[in-house]
C-alpha atoms as a PDB file:
ATOM      1  CA  MET A   1     122.057 147.504  36.124  1.00  0.00           C
ATOM      2  CA  ALA A   2     121.841 144.139  37.869  1.00  0.00           C
ATOM      3  CA  SER A   3     118.916 143.602  40.228  1.00  0.00           C
ATOM      4  CA  MET A   4     119.520 143.132  43.931  1.00  0.00           C
ATOM      5  CA  ASN A   5     119.069 139.352  43.915  1.00  0.00           C
ATOM      6  CA  ASP A   6     121.522 139.059  40.993  1.00  0.00           C
ATOM      7  CA  LYS A   7     124.297 140.566  43.117  1.00  0.00           C
ATOM      8  CA  ASP A   8     126.305 138.548  45.598  1.00  0.00           C
ATOM      9  CA  TYR A   9     126.667 141.061  48.426  1.00  0.00           C
ATOM     10  CA  TYR A  10     128.744 138.620  50.447  1.00  0.00           C
ATOM     11  CA  ALA A  11     131.286 138.356  47.615  1.00  0.00           C
ATOM     12  CA  ILE A  12     131.265 142.129  47.125  1.00  0.00           C
ATOM     13  CA  LEU A  13     132.260 142.626  50.772  1.00  0.00           C
ATOM     14  CA  GLY A  14     134.501 139.559  50.796  1.00  0.00           C
ATOM     15  CA  VAL A  15     132.790 137.816  53.723  1.00  0.00           C
ATOM     16  CA  GLU A  16     131.269 134.391  54.270  1.00  0.00           C
ATOM     17  CA  LYS A  17     127.495 133.878  54.230  1.00  0.00           C
ATOM     18  CA  ASP A  18     127.501 133.189  57.983  1.00  0.00           C
ATOM     19  CA  ALA A  19     129.596 136.274  58.800  1.00  0.00           C
ATOM     20  CA  SER A  20     128.647 138.197  61.929  1.00  0.00           C
ATOM     21  CA  THR A  21     127.420 141.793  61.857  1.00  0.00           C
ATOM     22  CA  ASP A  22     130.760 142.921  63.260  1.00  0.00           C
ATOM     23  CA  ASP A  23     132.680 141.093  60.506  1.00  0.00           C
ATOM     24  CA  ILE A  24     130.472 142.736  57.881  1.00  0.00           C
ATOM     25  CA  ARG A  25     131.073 146.166  59.401  1.00  0.00           C
ATOM     26  CA  LYS A  26     134.842 145.671  59.442  1.00  0.00           C
ATOM     27  CA  ALA A  27     134.864 144.432  55.830  1.00  0.00           C
ATOM     28  CA  PHE A  28     132.904 147.477  54.723  1.00  0.00           C
ATOM     29  CA  GLN A  29     135.261 149.830  56.551  1.00  0.00           C
ATOM     30  CA  GLN A  30     138.296 148.324  54.833  1.00  0.00           C
ATOM     31  CA  LYS A  31     136.808 148.444  51.347  1.00  0.00           C
ATOM     32  CA  ALA A  32     135.247 151.891  51.803  1.00  0.00           C
ATOM     33  CA  ARG A  33     138.617 153.377  52.729  1.00  0.00           C
ATOM     34  CA  LYS A  34     140.204 152.004  49.526  1.00  0.00           C
ATOM     35  CA  LEU A  35     137.336 152.818  47.150  1.00  0.00           C
ATOM     36  CA  HIS A  36     136.183 156.222  48.377  1.00  0.00           C
ATOM     37  CA  PRO A  37     136.230 158.651  45.388  1.00  0.00           C
ATOM     38  CA  ASP A  38     138.258 161.190  47.372  1.00  0.00           C
ATOM     39  CA  VAL A  39     141.031 158.626  47.785  1.00  0.00           C
ATOM     40  CA  ASN A  40     140.779 156.308  44.792  1.00  0.00           C
ATOM     41  CA  LYS A  41     140.969 158.062  41.419  1.00  0.00           C
ATOM     42  CA  GLU A  42     140.301 154.983  39.266  1.00  0.00           C
ATOM     43  CA  PRO A  43     137.398 155.467  36.790  1.00  0.00           C
ATOM     44  CA  ASP A  44     135.206 152.786  38.373  1.00  0.00           C
ATOM     45  CA  ALA A  45     136.031 153.644  42.001  1.00  0.00           C
ATOM     46  CA  GLU A  46     132.827 155.593  42.602  1.00  0.00           C
ATOM     47  CA  GLU A  47     130.628 152.857  41.147  1.00  0.00           C
ATOM     48  CA  ARG A  48     132.393 150.185  43.181  1.00  0.00           C
ATOM     49  CA  PHE A  49     132.087 152.339  46.322  1.00  0.00           C
ATOM     50  CA  LYS A  50     128.316 152.606  45.783  1.00  0.00           C
ATOM     51  CA  GLU A  51     128.110 148.858  45.272  1.00  0.00           C
ATOM     52  CA  VAL A  52     130.003 148.176  48.493  1.00  0.00           C
ATOM     53  CA  SER A  53     127.777 150.666  50.361  1.00  0.00           C
ATOM     54  CA  GLU A  54     124.682 148.990  48.940  1.00  0.00           C
ATOM     55  CA  ALA A  55     125.929 145.588  50.068  1.00  0.00           C
ATOM     56  CA  TYR A  56     126.618 146.879  53.563  1.00  0.00           C
ATOM     57  CA  ALA A  57     123.228 148.622  53.797  1.00  0.00           C
ATOM     58  CA  VAL A  58     121.455 145.321  53.186  1.00  0.00           C
ATOM     59  CA  LEU A  59     123.671 142.883  55.103  1.00  0.00           C
ATOM     60  CA  SER A  60     124.079 145.085  58.200  1.00  0.00           C
ATOM     61  CA  ASP A  61     120.320 145.117  58.784  1.00  0.00           C
ATOM     62  CA  PRO A  62     119.081 141.730  60.160  1.00  0.00           C
ATOM     63  CA  ASP A  63     115.631 141.978  58.538  1.00  0.00           C
ATOM     64  CA  LYS A  64     116.911 143.115  55.140  1.00  0.00           C
ATOM     65  CA  ARG A  65     119.624 140.461  55.235  1.00  0.00           C
ATOM     66  CA  LYS A  66     117.007 137.796  55.906  1.00  0.00           C
ATOM     67  CA  ARG A  67     114.897 138.975  52.973  1.00  0.00           C
ATOM     68  CA  TYR A  68     117.946 139.142  50.718  1.00  0.00           C
ATOM     69  CA  ASP A  69     118.961 135.585  51.634  1.00  0.00           C
ATOM     70  CA  ALA A  70     115.399 134.465  50.891  1.00  0.00           C
ATOM     71  CA  LEU A  71     115.478 136.106  47.462  1.00  0.00           C
ATOM     72  CA  ARG A  72     118.843 134.526  46.681  1.00  0.00           C
ATOM     73  CA  SER A  73     117.514 131.109  47.659  1.00  0.00           C
ATOM     74  CA  GLY A  74     114.677 131.393  45.135  1.00  0.00           C
ATOM     75  CA  ASN A  75     111.847 131.845  47.633  1.00  0.00           C
ATOM     76  CA  PRO A  76     110.880 135.540  47.422  1.00  0.00           C
ATOM     77  CA  PHE A  77     108.305 135.268  50.248  1.00  0.00           C
ATOM     78  CA  ALA A  78     110.414 133.386  52.822  1.00  0.00           C
ATOM     79  CA  GLY A  79     111.902 136.550  54.273  1.00  0.00           C
ATOM     80  CA  TYR A  80     108.614 138.318  54.989  1.00  0.00           C
ATOM     81  CA  GLY A  81     107.382 136.236  57.918  1.00  0.00           C
ATOM     82  CA  SER A  82     106.778 137.511  61.418  1.00  0.00           C
ATOM     83  CA  ALA A  83     109.423 135.328  63.014  1.00  0.00           C
ATOM     84  CA  PRO A  84     112.148 137.200  64.904  1.00  0.00           C
ATOM     85  CA  SER A  85     115.334 138.001  63.035  1.00  0.00           C
ATOM     86  CA  GLN A  86     118.573 136.089  63.498  1.00  0.00           C
ATOM     87  CA  GLN A  87     119.963 138.954  65.551  1.00  0.00           C
ATOM     88  CA  GLY A  88     117.035 138.912  67.983  1.00  0.00           C
ATOM     89  CA  GLY A  89     115.196 141.813  66.368  1.00  0.00           C
ATOM     90  CA  SER A  90     117.677 144.359  67.664  1.00  0.00           C
ATOM     91  CA  SER A  91     116.978 147.971  66.744  1.00  0.00           C
ATOM     92  CA  ASP A  92     120.714 148.567  66.442  1.00  0.00           C
ATOM     93  CA  PRO A  93     121.553 147.853  62.761  1.00  0.00           C
ATOM     94  CA  PHE A  94     125.279 147.751  63.418  1.00  0.00           C
ATOM     95  CA  GLY A  95     125.055 145.205  66.248  1.00  0.00           C
ATOM     96  CA  PHE A  96     127.185 147.216  68.640  1.00  0.00           C
ATOM     97  CA  GLY A  97     125.343 145.823  71.706  1.00  0.00           C
ATOM     98  CA  GLY A  98     125.245 148.738  74.149  1.00  0.00           C
ATOM     99  CA  GLY A  99     127.005 151.541  72.303  1.00  0.00           C
ATOM    100  CA  PRO A 100     129.543 152.141  69.575  1.00  0.00           C
ATOM    101  CA  PHE A 101     132.476 151.338  71.852  1.00  0.00           C
ATOM    102  CA  GLY A 102     130.928 148.259  73.489  1.00  0.00           C
ATOM    103  CA  TRP A 103     130.913 149.904  76.950  1.00  0.00           C
ATOM    104  CA  GLY A 104     132.146 147.532  79.674  1.00  0.00           C
ATOM    105  CA  PRO A 105     131.830 147.480  83.471  1.00  0.00           C
ATOM    106  CA  PHE A 106     134.236 150.406  83.844  1.00  0.00           C
ATOM    107  CA  GLY A 107     132.227 152.658  81.525  1.00  0.00           C
ATOM    108  CA  GLY A 108     134.740 152.464  78.674  1.00  0.00           C
ATOM    109  CA  ALA A 109     135.628 150.602  75.527  1.00  0.00           C
ATOM    110  CA  THR A 110     136.339 146.916  75.948  1.00  0.00           C
ATOM    111  CA  SER A 111     139.253 145.274  74.229  1.00  0.00           C
ATOM    112  CA  ARG A 112     136.902 143.285  71.998  1.00  0.00           C
ATOM    113  CA  ARG A 113     135.751 146.421  70.143  1.00  0.00           C
ATOM    114  CA  ARG A 114     138.260 148.515  68.236  1.00  0.00           C
ATOM    115  CA  SER A 115     136.965 151.709  66.665  1.00  0.00           C
ATOM    116  CA  ARG A 116     138.546 154.359  64.495  1.00  0.00           C
ATOM    117  CA  ALA A 117     135.892 156.892  65.487  1.00  0.00           C
ATOM    118  CA  TYR A 118     137.153 160.006  67.276  1.00  0.00           C
ATOM    119  CA  ARG A 119     134.821 160.301  70.257  1.00  0.00           C
ATOM    120  CA  PRO A 120     136.245 162.212  73.268  1.00  0.00           C
ATOM    121  CA  ARG A 121     134.370 161.305  76.446  1.00  0.00           C
ATOM    122  CA  ALA A 122     135.169 161.903  80.092  1.00  0.00           C
ATOM    123  CA  GLY A 123     136.152 158.809  82.022  1.00  0.00           C
ATOM    124  CA  ALA A 124     133.717 157.202  84.444  1.00  0.00           C
ATOM    125  CA  ASP A 125     134.257 157.058  88.198  1.00  0.00           C
ATOM    126  CA  VAL A 126     135.497 153.842  89.789  1.00  0.00           C
ATOM    127  CA  VAL A 127     133.416 152.994  92.870  1.00  0.00           C
ATOM    128  CA  TYR A 128     135.045 150.699  95.429  1.00  0.00           C
ATOM    129  CA  GLU A 129     133.508 149.407  98.676  1.00  0.00           C
ATOM    130  CA  LEU A 130     135.910 149.180 101.616  1.00  0.00           C
ATOM    131  CA  THR A 131     134.599 147.125 104.529  1.00  0.00           C
ATOM    132  CA  VAL A 132     135.782 148.033 108.047  1.00  0.00           C
ATOM    133  CA  ASP A 133     134.504 147.354 111.546  1.00  0.00           C
ATOM    134  CA  VAL A 134     132.999 149.896 113.931  1.00  0.00           C
ATOM    135  CA  GLN A 135     136.229 150.441 115.854  1.00  0.00           C
ATOM    136  CA  THR A 136     138.276 151.081 112.705  1.00  0.00           C
ATOM    137  CA  ALA A 137     135.671 153.492 111.355  1.00  0.00           C
ATOM    138  CA  ALA A 138     135.669 155.381 114.655  1.00  0.00           C
ATOM    139  CA  SER A 139     139.462 155.651 114.981  1.00  0.00           C
ATOM    140  CA  GLY A 140     140.362 156.016 111.289  1.00  0.00           C
ATOM    141  CA  ALA A 141     142.814 153.953 109.245  1.00  0.00           C
ATOM    142  CA  ARG A 142     144.897 153.732 106.075  1.00  0.00           C
ATOM    143  CA  ARG A 143     144.180 150.998 103.569  1.00  0.00           C
ATOM    144  CA  GLY A 144     145.956 150.082 100.331  1.00  0.00           C
ATOM    145  CA  VAL A 145     143.595 149.228  97.477  1.00  0.00           C
ATOM    146  CA  THR A 146     144.444 147.507  94.182  1.00  0.00           C
ATOM    147  CA  TYR A 147     141.873 147.851  91.400  1.00  0.00           C
ATOM    148  CA  GLN A 148     141.518 147.816  87.617  1.00  0.00           C
ATOM    149  CA  ARG A 149     140.853 150.929  85.591  1.00  0.00           C
ATOM    150  CA  TYR A 150     141.470 152.464  82.179  1.00  0.00           C
ATOM    151  CA  VAL A 151     144.644 154.554  82.108  1.00  0.00           C
ATOM    152  CA  SER A 152     145.987 156.901  79.470  1.00  0.00           C
ATOM    153  CA  CYS A 153     147.790 154.939  76.744  1.00  0.00           C
ATOM    154  CA  GLY A 154     151.551 155.194  77.151  1.00  0.00           C
ATOM    155  CA  VAL A 155     152.232 154.876  73.420  1.00  0.00           C
ATOM    156  CA  CYS A 156     149.994 157.646  72.060  1.00  0.00           C
ATOM    157  CA  HIS A 157     149.791 159.550  75.383  1.00  0.00           C
ATOM    158  CA  GLY A 158     146.009 159.368  75.432  1.00  0.00           C
ATOM    159  CA  SER A 159     145.216 160.929  72.065  1.00  0.00           C
ATOM    160  CA  GLY A 160     144.517 157.666  70.262  1.00  0.00           C
ATOM    161  CA  SER A 161     146.771 158.723  67.363  1.00  0.00           C
ATOM    162  CA  VAL A 162     150.497 157.990  67.182  1.00  0.00           C
ATOM    163  CA  GLU A 163     151.621 160.782  64.869  1.00  0.00           C
ATOM    164  CA  SER A 164     148.739 163.179  64.203  1.00  0.00           C
ATOM    165  CA  ASP A 165     147.742 165.760  66.821  1.00  0.00           C
ATOM    166  CA  HIS A 166     144.261 166.283  65.367  1.00  0.00           C
ATOM    167  CA  PRO A 167     141.458 164.000  64.147  1.00  0.00           C
ATOM    168  CA  ALA A 168     140.717 163.721  60.454  1.00  0.00           C
ATOM    169  CA  THR A 169     137.450 164.181  58.599  1.00  0.00           C
ATOM    170  CA  CYS A 170     135.810 160.816  58.046  1.00  0.00           C
ATOM    171  CA  PRO A 171     136.599 159.724  54.475  1.00  0.00           C
ATOM    172  CA  THR A 172     133.464 157.577  54.219  1.00  0.00           C
ATOM    173  CA  CYS A 173     130.797 160.176  55.036  1.00  0.00           C
ATOM    174  CA  GLY A 174     132.793 163.367  54.425  1.00  0.00           C
ATOM    175  CA  GLY A 175     132.203 164.553  57.979  1.00  0.00           C
ATOM    176  CA  ARG A 176     128.401 164.337  57.856  1.00  0.00           C
ATOM    177  CA  GLY A 177     128.181 161.399  60.272  1.00  0.00           C
ATOM    178  CA  HIS A 178     125.782 159.475  58.029  1.00  0.00           C
ATOM    179  CA  ILE A 179     125.689 157.938  54.574  1.00  0.00           C
ATOM    180  CA  THR A 180     122.832 157.617  52.082  1.00  0.00           C
ATOM    181  CA  VAL A 181     122.591 154.434  50.036  1.00  0.00           C
ATOM    182  CA  ASP A 182     120.199 153.505  47.205  1.00  0.00           C
ATOM    183  CA  THR A 183     119.499 149.805  47.734  1.00  0.00           C
ATOM    184  CA  GLY A 184     117.098 149.386  44.847  1.00  0.00           C
ATOM    185  CA  ILE A 185     114.257 147.202  46.090  1.00  0.00           C
ATOM    186  CA  PHE A 186     114.585 148.607  49.631  1.00  0.00           C
ATOM    187  CA  GLY A 187     114.727 152.216  48.477  1.00  0.00           C
ATOM    188  CA  VAL A 188     117.053 154.968  49.650  1.00  0.00           C
ATOM    189  CA  MET A 189     118.428 154.460  53.162  1.00  0.00           C
ATOM    190  CA  ALA A 190     120.136 156.965  55.456  1.00  0.00           C
ATOM    191  CA  MET A 191     122.275 155.317  58.122  1.00  0.00           C
ATOM    192  CA  THR A 192     124.898 156.178  60.688  1.00  0.00           C
ATOM    193  CA  CYS A 193     128.343 156.031  59.164  1.00  0.00           C
ATOM    194  CA  PRO A 194     130.072 152.849  60.406  1.00  0.00           C
ATOM    195  CA  GLU A 195     133.515 154.392  59.950  1.00  0.00           C
ATOM    196  CA  CYS A 196     133.127 157.355  62.347  1.00  0.00           C
ATOM    197  CA  GLU A 197     129.998 156.053  64.117  1.00  0.00           C
ATOM    198  CA  GLY A 198     128.165 159.327  63.612  1.00  0.00           C
ATOM    199  CA  THR A 199     130.838 161.751  64.852  1.00  0.00           C
ATOM    200  CA  GLY A 200     132.088 162.809  61.412  1.00  0.00           C
ATOM    201  CA  ARG A 201     135.696 162.528  62.624  1.00  0.00           C
ATOM    202  CA  VAL A 202     138.146 159.643  62.821  1.00  0.00           C
ATOM    203  CA  VAL A 203     141.541 159.068  64.399  1.00  0.00           C
ATOM    204  CA  ALA A 204     144.068 159.751  61.646  1.00  0.00           C
ATOM    205  CA  ASP A 205     146.475 156.915  62.470  1.00  0.00           C
ATOM    206  CA  PRO A 206     145.027 154.712  65.260  1.00  0.00           C
ATOM    207  CA  CYS A 207     147.465 153.598  67.930  1.00  0.00           C
ATOM    208  CA  SER A 208     148.060 149.849  67.782  1.00  0.00           C
ATOM    209  CA  SER A 209     148.253 149.641  71.570  1.00  0.00           C
ATOM    210  CA  CYS A 210     144.858 151.174  72.437  1.00  0.00           C
ATOM    211  CA  GLY A 211     143.080 150.800  69.097  1.00  0.00           C
ATOM    212  CA  GLY A 212     142.488 154.547  68.801  1.00  0.00           C
ATOM    213  CA  THR A 213     140.621 155.052  72.092  1.00  0.00           C
ATOM    214  CA  GLY A 214     143.604 156.606  73.880  1.00  0.00           C
ATOM    215  CA  ARG A 215     143.452 154.328  76.919  1.00  0.00           C
ATOM    216  CA  THR A 216     144.245 150.803  78.018  1.00  0.00           C
ATOM    217  CA  LEU A 217     143.125 148.599  80.926  1.00  0.00           C
ATOM    218  CA  SER A 218     145.624 148.407  83.771  1.00  0.00           C
ATOM    219  CA  ALA A 219     145.938 147.630  87.480  1.00  0.00           C
ATOM    220  CA  SER A 220     146.388 150.608  89.827  1.00  0.00           C
ATOM    221  CA  GLU A 221     147.064 151.057  93.519  1.00  0.00           C
ATOM    222  CA  VAL A 222     145.940 153.822  95.875  1.00  0.00           C
ATOM    223  CA  VAL A 223     146.155 154.438  99.608  1.00  0.00           C
ATOM    224  CA  VAL A 224     142.776 155.370 101.107  1.00  0.00           C
ATOM    225  CA  GLU A 225     142.696 157.478 104.273  1.00  0.00           C
ATOM    226  CA  VAL A 226     139.599 156.501 106.258  1.00  0.00           C
ATOM    227  CA  PRO A 227     138.829 159.552 108.417  1.00  0.00           C
ATOM    228  CA  ALA A 228     138.210 159.066 112.134  1.00  0.00           C
ATOM    229  CA  GLY A 229     134.497 159.082 112.925  1.00  0.00           C
ATOM    230  CA  SER A 230     133.457 157.566 109.601  1.00  0.00           C
ATOM    231  CA  HIS A 231     130.129 155.767 109.225  1.00  0.00           C
ATOM    232  CA  ASP A 232     128.522 153.334 106.829  1.00  0.00           C
ATOM    233  CA  GLY A 233     127.897 155.003 103.457  1.00  0.00           C
ATOM    234  CA  ASP A 234     130.537 157.743 103.823  1.00  0.00           C
ATOM    235  CA  GLU A 235     132.709 158.296 100.768  1.00  0.00           C
ATOM    236  CA  VAL A 236     136.381 159.151 100.254  1.00  0.00           C
ATOM    237  CA  VAL A 237     137.034 160.660  96.810  1.00  0.00           C
ATOM    238  CA  LEU A 238     140.439 160.675  95.085  1.00  0.00           C
ATOM    239  CA  GLN A 239     140.366 163.084  92.161  1.00  0.00           C
ATOM    240  CA  GLY A 240     141.524 161.829  88.759  1.00  0.00           C
ATOM    241  CA  MET A 241     142.144 158.251  89.884  1.00  0.00           C
ATOM    242  CA  GLY A 242     139.157 156.779  88.033  1.00  0.00           C
ATOM    243  CA  ASN A 243     138.976 155.731  84.389  1.00  0.00           C
ATOM    244  CA  ALA A 244     140.882 157.826  81.860  1.00  0.00           C
ATOM    245  CA  GLY A 245     138.723 159.536  79.239  1.00  0.00           C
ATOM    246  CA  THR A 246     138.765 158.554  75.587  1.00  0.00           C
ATOM    247  CA  ASN A 247     140.912 160.482  73.098  1.00  0.00           C
ATOM    248  CA  GLY A 248     142.520 162.684  75.758  1.00  0.00           C
ATOM    249  CA  SER A 249     139.406 163.606  77.766  1.00  0.00           C
ATOM    250  CA  THR A 250     139.474 164.110  81.538  1.00  0.00           C
ATOM    251  CA  ALA A 251     139.672 161.152  83.913  1.00  0.00           C
ATOM    252  CA  GLY A 252     137.026 160.194  86.433  1.00  0.00           C
ATOM    253  CA  ASN A 253     137.498 159.855  90.189  1.00  0.00           C
ATOM    254  CA  PHE A 254     138.152 156.947  92.512  1.00  0.00           C
ATOM    255  CA  VAL A 255     135.236 156.816  94.958  1.00  0.00           C
ATOM    256  CA  CYS A 256     135.828 154.678  98.037  1.00  0.00           C
ATOM    257  CA  ARG A 257     132.558 153.918  99.795  1.00  0.00           C
ATOM    258  CA  ILE A 258     132.953 152.997 103.473  1.00  0.00           C
ATOM    259  CA  CYS A 259     130.995 149.889 104.469  1.00  0.00           C
ATOM    260  CA  VAL A 260     130.410 149.199 108.177  1.00  0.00           C
ATOM    261  CA  PRO A 261     128.271 146.021 108.437  1.00  0.00           C
ATOM    262  CA  GLU A 262     127.422 146.660 112.113  1.00  0.00           C
ATOM    263  CA  GLU A 263     125.692 149.916 111.132  1.00  0.00           C
ATOM    264  CA  ARG A 264     123.875 148.625 108.064  1.00  0.00           C
ATOM    265  CA  ILE A 265     120.363 147.208 108.234  1.00  0.00           C
ATOM    266  CA  THR A 266     119.643 144.276 105.931  1.00  0.00           C
ATOM    267  CA  ARG A 267     117.200 144.425 103.045  1.00  0.00           C
ATOM    268  CA  ARG A 268     114.802 142.214 104.997  1.00  0.00           C
ATOM    269  CA  GLN A 269     114.967 144.549 107.994  1.00  0.00           C
ATOM    270  CA  ALA A 270     114.352 147.555 105.760  1.00  0.00           C
ATOM    271  CA  SER A 271     111.228 145.852 104.381  1.00  0.00           C
ATOM    272  CA  GLY A 272     110.012 145.118 107.900  1.00  0.00           C
ATOM    273  CA  CYS A 273     110.530 148.740 108.955  1.00  0.00           C
ATOM    274  CA  ASN A 274     108.615 149.929 105.900  1.00  0.00           C
ATOM    275  CA  LEU A 275     105.668 147.722 106.859  1.00  0.00           C
ATOM    276  CA  ILE A 276     105.672 149.020 110.439  1.00  0.00           C
ATOM    277  CA  GLY A 277     105.956 152.617 109.240  1.00  0.00           C
ATOM    278  CA  PHE A 278     103.197 152.068 106.687  1.00  0.00           C
ATOM    279  CA  GLY A 279     100.814 151.007 109.441  1.00  0.00           C
ATOM    280  CA  LEU A 280     101.537 153.875 111.887  1.00  0.00           C
ATOM    281  CA  PRO A 281      99.440 156.546 110.044  1.00  0.00           C
ATOM    282  CA  PHE A 282      96.470 154.145 110.017  1.00  0.00           C
ATOM    283  CA  LEU A 283      96.843 153.683 113.770  1.00  0.00           C
ATOM    284  CA  VAL A 284      97.059 157.428 114.486  1.00  0.00           C
ATOM    285  CA  PHE A 285      94.198 158.483 112.192  1.00  0.00           C
ATOM    286  CA  GLY A 286      92.088 155.578 113.417  1.00  0.00           C
ATOM    287  CA  LEU A 287      92.532 156.608 117.067  1.00  0.00           C
ATOM    288  CA  VAL A 288      91.735 160.239 116.290  1.00  0.00           C
ATOM    289  CA  SER A 289      88.626 159.443 114.252  1.00  0.00           C
ATOM    290  CA  GLY A 290      87.458 156.517 116.394  1.00  0.00           C
ATOM    291  CA  THR A 291      87.663 154.048 113.499  1.00  0.00           C
ATOM    292  CA  VAL A 292      90.711 152.112 114.626  1.00  0.00           C
ATOM    293  CA  GLY A 293      88.598 149.006 115.139  1.00  0.00           C
ATOM    294  CA  SER A 294      88.068 148.763 111.395  1.00  0.00           C
ATOM    295  CA  PHE A 295      91.812 148.367 110.867  1.00  0.00           C
ATOM    296  CA  THR A 296      92.635 146.011 113.735  1.00  0.00           C
ATOM    297  CA  VAL A 297      93.369 142.918 111.671  1.00  0.00           C
ATOM    298  CA  PHE A 298      95.214 144.924 109.009  1.00  0.00           C
ATOM    299  CA  LEU A 299      97.416 146.682 111.567  1.00  0.00           C
ATOM    300  CA  ALA A 300      98.122 143.459 113.461  1.00  0.00           C
ATOM    301  CA  LEU A 301      99.383 141.814 110.279  1.00  0.00           C
ATOM    302  CA  LEU A 302     101.629 144.779 109.412  1.00  0.00           C
ATOM    303  CA  PHE A 303     103.175 145.135 112.863  1.00  0.00           C
ATOM    304  CA  VAL A 304     103.628 141.413 113.594  1.00  0.00           C
ATOM    305  CA  PHE A 305     105.093 140.501 110.216  1.00  0.00           C
ATOM    306  CA  GLY A 306     107.186 143.694 110.033  1.00  0.00           C
ATOM    307  CA  GLY A 307     108.579 143.083 113.529  1.00  0.00           C
ATOM    308  CA  TYR A 308     109.389 139.494 112.612  1.00  0.00           C
ATOM    309  CA  LEU A 309     111.425 140.639 109.575  1.00  0.00           C
ATOM    310  CA  VAL A 310     113.365 143.120 111.719  1.00  0.00           C
ATOM    311  CA  VAL A 311     114.164 140.672 114.512  1.00  0.00           C
ATOM    312  CA  ARG A 312     114.945 137.740 112.210  1.00  0.00           C
ATOM    313  CA  ASP A 313     118.313 139.120 111.085  1.00  0.00           C
ATOM    314  CA  GLY A 314     119.302 140.174 114.599  1.00  0.00           C
ATOM    315  CA  LEU A 315     119.344 143.456 116.474  1.00  0.00           C
ATOM    316  CA  ARG A 316     122.525 145.538 116.740  1.00  0.00           C
ATOM    317  CA  SER A 317     123.800 147.787 119.503  1.00  0.00           C
ATOM    318  CA  SER A 318     125.270 150.473 117.228  1.00  0.00           C
ATOM    319  CA  PRO A 319     123.482 153.844 117.533  1.00  0.00           C
ATOM    320  CA  ARG A 320     123.879 154.334 113.781  1.00  0.00           C
ATOM    321  CA  TRP A 321     122.083 151.020 113.188  1.00  0.00           C
ATOM    322  CA  TRP A 322     119.094 152.212 115.225  1.00  0.00           C
ATOM    323  CA  ARG A 323     119.194 155.510 113.368  1.00  0.00           C
ATOM    324  CA  ASN A 324     119.016 153.697 110.015  1.00  0.00           C
ATOM    325  CA  LEU A 325     116.176 151.594 111.398  1.00  0.00           C
ATOM    326  CA  GLY A 326     114.250 154.754 112.284  1.00  0.00           C
ATOM    327  CA  LEU A 327     114.841 156.252 108.842  1.00  0.00           C
ATOM    328  CA  ALA A 328     113.425 153.107 107.231  1.00  0.00           C
ATOM    329  CA  ILE A 329     110.319 153.377 109.429  1.00  0.00           C
ATOM    330  CA  LEU A 330     109.894 157.046 108.438  1.00  0.00           C
ATOM    331  CA  ASN A 331     110.095 156.007 104.811  1.00  0.00           C
ATOM    332  CA  GLY A 332     107.199 153.633 105.416  1.00  0.00           C
ATOM    333  CA  VAL A 333     105.257 156.397 107.200  1.00  0.00           C
ATOM    334  CA  SER A 334     105.592 158.696 104.186  1.00  0.00           C
ATOM    335  CA  ASN A 335     104.265 155.940 101.931  1.00  0.00           C
ATOM    336  CA  GLY A 336     101.249 155.168 104.111  1.00  0.00           C
ATOM    337  CA  PHE A 337     100.244 158.705 105.165  1.00  0.00           C
ATOM    338  CA  VAL A 338      98.134 159.712 102.164  1.00  0.00           C
ATOM    339  CA  ILE A 339      96.498 156.282 101.814  1.00  0.00           C
ATOM    340  CA  ALA A 340      95.652 156.153 105.522  1.00  0.00           C
ATOM    341  CA  LEU A 341      94.157 159.670 105.471  1.00  0.00           C
ATOM    342  CA  PHE A 342      91.966 158.784 102.487  1.00  0.00           C
ATOM    343  CA  LEU A 343      90.713 155.476 103.935  1.00  0.00           C
ATOM    344  CA  VAL A 344      90.004 156.889 107.391  1.00  0.00           C
ATOM    345  CA  ALA A 345      88.083 159.796 105.872  1.00  0.00           C
ATOM    346  CA  MET A 346      86.069 157.365 103.756  1.00  0.00           C
ATOM    347  CA  PHE A 347      85.230 155.190 106.772  1.00  0.00           C
ATOM    348  CA  SER A 348      84.213 158.248 108.792  1.00  0.00           C
ATOM    349  CA  CYS A 349      81.821 159.394 106.070  1.00  0.00           C
ATOM    350  CA  THR A 350      80.192 155.975 105.670  1.00  0.00           C
ATOM    351  CA  MET A 351      79.775 155.454 109.436  1.00  0.00           C
ATOM    352  CA  ARG A 352      78.359 158.940 110.258  1.00  0.00           C
ATOM    353  CA  PRO A 353      74.800 158.330 108.930  1.00  0.00           C
ATOM    354  CA  TYR A 354      74.681 155.089 110.922  1.00  0.00           C
ATOM    355  CA  TYR A 355      75.526 156.835 114.201  1.00  0.00           C
ATOM    356  CA  TYR A 356      73.127 159.669 113.404  1.00  0.00           C
ATOM    357  CA  PHE A 357      70.266 157.200 112.851  1.00  0.00           C
ATOM    358  CA  TRP A 358      70.808 155.663 116.247  1.00  0.00           C
END
């Protein structure tokens, strides 16, 4: 049997030496489907399938690929350095970058990644911020919203398969979700099956429109009813108007979050309120214990700088704005309470012997 560095794994998979991890994965999938012993009855099919699997096991792993390239170049030690791999040292051997479907901003498969894996998943919610003024929020309104989301594929009706009603057992791993490959110098490796991506099932005949996911990206329109008496942060939920699920799973919701700028405190104002609230427990405990003088400079800095941050972005007349301001101060109080209690108690204990002596 030929040694590992005598084999041209790139030629076995039919890819160039600078092929990306995704190209290598796709090449393996194509060859594995043709050479799998359950499908191909030629005498050498099983041996060729093992050879293709061995090539994929080495080239799909950045570190092993680097060592293999070093061996092929005639320098057996060049691939054992501590320098980072070409793929950035990623722990994902298949280079999927964030999940087997390449999840995008809408929580679903992007058009750049096509997968035959059968992986039913519920669709994610679409969250949309609708900005209105105080008067509109108080009286209520209707607003039309246009947004992008994943919808059920019109060709395969969401299943991902054009003709078959049920997924098929993965021909590469036999439904196990993983494959075991003897790579020789690297030993026996168990890895997630690249065909089904660990599920053990694949779409029998993937839809050409959606690539087997059962959904496509599309523009949608909804009419949002803003209830009278709404406030900043309130939500209007439209059931089933979010992203469609993969392979026929349930769709998410469209969540419209009401934004009323006049009622919303800025991030700077929230920080200022937290500083003021943080100092209030020190002031109270200091007055009760008679140690407030020890914290004078500290409290002055908190209150002056915190007040400056609040005033800098402007004060509002909305009652809800003042309510949010008070909540931010209470948040600061909760953060400073335990620390203030501990420090005041410590100061009281250290000062008591001094007063007793006098």
